Amino acid sequence: MKQVLDNIMIPTTTRCAILLAWITAARVGDTLQLRPTDVTIDANRLKVTWTRGKTIQRRGQYTVTSIIPARYIDMMKQHFQQAQTSPTLFSQVKGQQVKLALRTVNVS
């Protein structure tokens, strides 16, 4: 995963979406639907309230709290600050971009 998150050829917004999905064990499709009001960062703690997506249809709204790895805190905070006026946190990211980013990294 570090190879993806540290790859500067992958746009920061895509890397942030992948990181958020990874540390919260979430579906990428659900992650891409998050609104700025669904996520808070306090120091290195990330709190995500899931209110939309495929998982919500089955189990209802829920909240996940996780720790952001120290090396990615600044990247995440900067992205979330810039996305505050967007309808979703990852409005520029498509699921296909995430899939391609994960496939382009040599995992051997």
C-alpha atoms as a PDB file:
ATOM      1  CA  MET A   1       0.000   0.000   0.000  1.00  0.00           C
ATOM      2  CA  LYS A   2       2.896   2.337   0.763  1.00  0.00           C
ATOM      3  CA  GLN A   3       3.998   2.070  -2.880  1.00  0.00           C
ATOM      4  CA  VAL A   4       0.647   3.521  -3.970  1.00  0.00           C
ATOM      5  CA  LEU A   5       0.409   6.226  -1.310  1.00  0.00           C
ATOM      6  CA  ASP A   6       3.978   7.453  -1.872  1.00  0.00           C
ATOM      7  CA  ASN A   7       3.751   7.417  -5.683  1.00  0.00           C
ATOM      8  CA  ILE A   8       3.783  11.090  -6.732  1.00  0.00           C
ATOM      9  CA  MET A   9       2.607  10.092 -10.219  1.00  0.00           C
ATOM     10  CA  ILE A  10      -0.796   9.265  -8.700  1.00  0.00           C
ATOM     11  CA  PRO A  11      -2.844  12.433  -7.995  1.00  0.00           C
ATOM     12  CA  THR A  12      -3.056  13.411  -4.327  1.00  0.00           C
ATOM     13  CA  THR A  13      -6.859  13.255  -4.328  1.00  0.00           C
ATOM     14  CA  THR A  14      -6.738   9.648  -5.549  1.00  0.00           C
ATOM     15  CA  ARG A  15      -4.111   8.735  -2.950  1.00  0.00           C
ATOM     16  CA  CYS A  16      -6.244  10.310  -0.190  1.00  0.00           C
ATOM     17  CA  ALA A  17      -9.310   8.340  -1.327  1.00  0.00           C
ATOM     18  CA  ILE A  18      -7.297   5.109  -1.304  1.00  0.00           C
ATOM     19  CA  LEU A  19      -5.855   5.874   2.136  1.00  0.00           C
ATOM     20  CA  LEU A  20      -9.241   6.704   3.647  1.00  0.00           C
ATOM     21  CA  ALA A  21     -10.770   3.516   2.227  1.00  0.00           C
ATOM     22  CA  TRP A  22      -7.796   1.484   3.438  1.00  0.00           C
ATOM     23  CA  ILE A  23      -7.640   2.747   7.040  1.00  0.00           C
ATOM     24  CA  THR A  24     -11.414   2.506   7.502  1.00  0.00           C
ATOM     25  CA  ALA A  25     -11.812  -0.834   5.657  1.00  0.00           C
ATOM     26  CA  ALA A  26     -14.416   0.789   3.416  1.00  0.00           C
ATOM     27  CA  ARG A  27     -15.598   0.159  -0.101  1.00  0.00           C
ATOM     28  CA  VAL A  28     -14.046   2.588  -2.584  1.00  0.00           C
ATOM     29  CA  GLY A  29     -17.463   3.407  -4.040  1.00  0.00           C
ATOM     30  CA  ASP A  30     -18.757   4.377  -0.587  1.00  0.00           C
ATOM     31  CA  THR A  31     -15.607   6.414   0.076  1.00  0.00           C
ATOM     32  CA  LEU A  32     -16.049   8.434  -3.113  1.00  0.00           C
ATOM     33  CA  GLN A  33     -19.549   9.457  -1.957  1.00  0.00           C
ATOM     34  CA  LEU A  34     -18.375  11.048   1.313  1.00  0.00           C
ATOM     35  CA  ARG A  35     -19.201  14.703   1.888  1.00  0.00           C
ATOM     36  CA  PRO A  36     -16.899  17.092   3.745  1.00  0.00           C
ATOM     37  CA  THR A  37     -19.316  17.058   6.701  1.00  0.00           C
ATOM     38  CA  ASP A  38     -18.959  13.259   7.007  1.00  0.00           C
ATOM     39  CA  VAL A  39     -15.278  13.409   7.975  1.00  0.00           C
ATOM     40  CA  THR A  40     -13.363  15.059  10.800  1.00  0.00           C
ATOM     41  CA  ILE A  41      -9.653  14.988  11.557  1.00  0.00           C
ATOM     42  CA  ASP A  42      -8.411  15.741  15.055  1.00  0.00           C
ATOM     43  CA  ALA A  43      -4.624  15.461  15.383  1.00  0.00           C
ATOM     44  CA  ASN A  44      -4.012  12.056  13.811  1.00  0.00           C
ATOM     45  CA  ARG A  45      -7.489  10.654  14.459  1.00  0.00           C
ATOM     46  CA  LEU A  46      -9.929  10.314  11.572  1.00  0.00           C
ATOM     47  CA  LYS A  47     -13.671  10.021  12.214  1.00  0.00           C
ATOM     48  CA  VAL A  48     -15.911   9.056   9.291  1.00  0.00           C
ATOM     49  CA  THR A  49     -19.694   8.843   9.405  1.00  0.00           C
ATOM     50  CA  TRP A  50     -20.978   6.710   6.543  1.00  0.00           C
ATOM     51  CA  THR A  51     -24.411   7.876   5.381  1.00  0.00           C
ATOM     52  CA  ARG A  52     -24.445   6.844   1.692  1.00  0.00           C
ATOM     53  CA  GLY A  53     -23.371   3.866  -0.356  1.00  0.00           C
ATOM     54  CA  LYS A  54     -23.927   0.180  -0.871  1.00  0.00           C
ATOM     55  CA  THR A  55     -23.022  -0.841   2.690  1.00  0.00           C
ATOM     56  CA  ILE A  56     -25.440   1.719   4.161  1.00  0.00           C
ATOM     57  CA  GLN A  57     -28.321   0.173   2.207  1.00  0.00           C
ATOM     58  CA  ARG A  58     -27.729  -3.082   4.078  1.00  0.00           C
ATOM     59  CA  ARG A  59     -26.813  -1.992   7.589  1.00  0.00           C
ATOM     60  CA  GLY A  60     -27.682   1.692   8.002  1.00  0.00           C
ATOM     61  CA  GLN A  61     -25.560   4.687   8.989  1.00  0.00           C
ATOM     62  CA  TYR A  62     -22.452   4.044  11.080  1.00  0.00           C
ATOM     63  CA  THR A  63     -19.259   5.784  12.243  1.00  0.00           C
ATOM     64  CA  VAL A  64     -15.671   4.564  12.068  1.00  0.00           C
ATOM     65  CA  THR A  65     -12.737   6.085  13.931  1.00  0.00           C
ATOM     66  CA  SER A  66      -9.208   5.319  12.802  1.00  0.00           C
ATOM     67  CA  ILE A  67      -5.650   6.568  13.132  1.00  0.00           C
ATOM     68  CA  ILE A  68      -3.988   8.227  10.149  1.00  0.00           C
ATOM     69  CA  PRO A  69      -0.414   7.014   9.688  1.00  0.00           C
ATOM     70  CA  ALA A  70       1.896   9.899  10.661  1.00  0.00           C
ATOM     71  CA  ARG A  71       3.533  10.180   7.238  1.00  0.00           C
ATOM     72  CA  TYR A  72       0.142  10.944   5.601  1.00  0.00           C
ATOM     73  CA  ILE A  73      -1.475  13.338   8.092  1.00  0.00           C
ATOM     74  CA  ASP A  74      -0.425  16.522   6.280  1.00  0.00           C
ATOM     75  CA  MET A  75      -1.536  15.177   2.900  1.00  0.00           C
ATOM     76  CA  MET A  76      -4.970  14.243   4.285  1.00  0.00           C
ATOM     77  CA  LYS A  77      -5.471  17.512   6.185  1.00  0.00           C
ATOM     78  CA  GLN A  78      -4.521  19.583   3.156  1.00  0.00           C
ATOM     79  CA  HIS A  79      -6.885  17.652   0.891  1.00  0.00           C
ATOM     80  CA  PHE A  80      -9.788  17.922   3.337  1.00  0.00           C
ATOM     81  CA  GLN A  81      -9.273  21.676   3.748  1.00  0.00           C
ATOM     82  CA  GLN A  82      -9.316  22.161  -0.032  1.00  0.00           C
ATOM     83  CA  ALA A  83     -12.408  19.978  -0.454  1.00  0.00           C
ATOM     84  CA  GLN A  84     -14.596  21.805   2.085  1.00  0.00           C
ATOM     85  CA  THR A  85     -16.532  23.651  -0.639  1.00  0.00           C
ATOM     86  CA  SER A  86     -16.997  20.591  -2.871  1.00  0.00           C
ATOM     87  CA  PRO A  87     -20.187  18.508  -2.802  1.00  0.00           C
ATOM     88  CA  THR A  88     -18.088  15.407  -2.058  1.00  0.00           C
ATOM     89  CA  LEU A  89     -14.582  14.985  -0.660  1.00  0.00           C
ATOM     90  CA  PHE A  90     -13.405  13.202  -3.762  1.00  0.00           C
ATOM     91  CA  SER A  91     -15.495  14.787  -6.515  1.00  0.00           C
ATOM     92  CA  GLN A  92     -12.529  14.711  -8.913  1.00  0.00           C
ATOM     93  CA  VAL A  93     -11.841  10.991  -8.363  1.00  0.00           C
ATOM     94  CA  LYS A  94     -13.556   8.205 -10.277  1.00  0.00           C
ATOM     95  CA  GLY A  95     -13.539   4.554  -9.254  1.00  0.00           C
ATOM     96  CA  GLN A  96     -11.646   3.674 -12.423  1.00  0.00           C
ATOM     97  CA  GLN A  97      -8.791   5.987 -11.368  1.00  0.00           C
ATOM     98  CA  VAL A  98      -8.486   4.179  -8.038  1.00  0.00           C
ATOM     99  CA  LYS A  99      -8.482   0.799  -9.781  1.00  0.00           C
ATOM    100  CA  LEU A 100      -5.761   1.901 -12.204  1.00  0.00           C
ATOM    101  CA  ALA A 101      -3.638   3.398  -9.409  1.00  0.00           C
ATOM    102  CA  LEU A 102      -3.752   0.137  -7.490  1.00  0.00           C
ATOM    103  CA  ARG A 103      -2.931  -1.902 -10.581  1.00  0.00           C
ATOM    104  CA  THR A 104       0.038   0.194 -11.698  1.00  0.00           C
ATOM    105  CA  VAL A 105       2.122  -0.524  -8.630  1.00  0.00           C
ATOM    106  CA  ASN A 106       4.509  -3.457  -8.651  1.00  0.00           C
ATOM    107  CA  VAL A 107       3.617  -5.406  -5.515  1.00  0.00           C
ATOM    108  CA  SER A 108       6.354  -8.046  -5.805  1.00  0.00           C
END
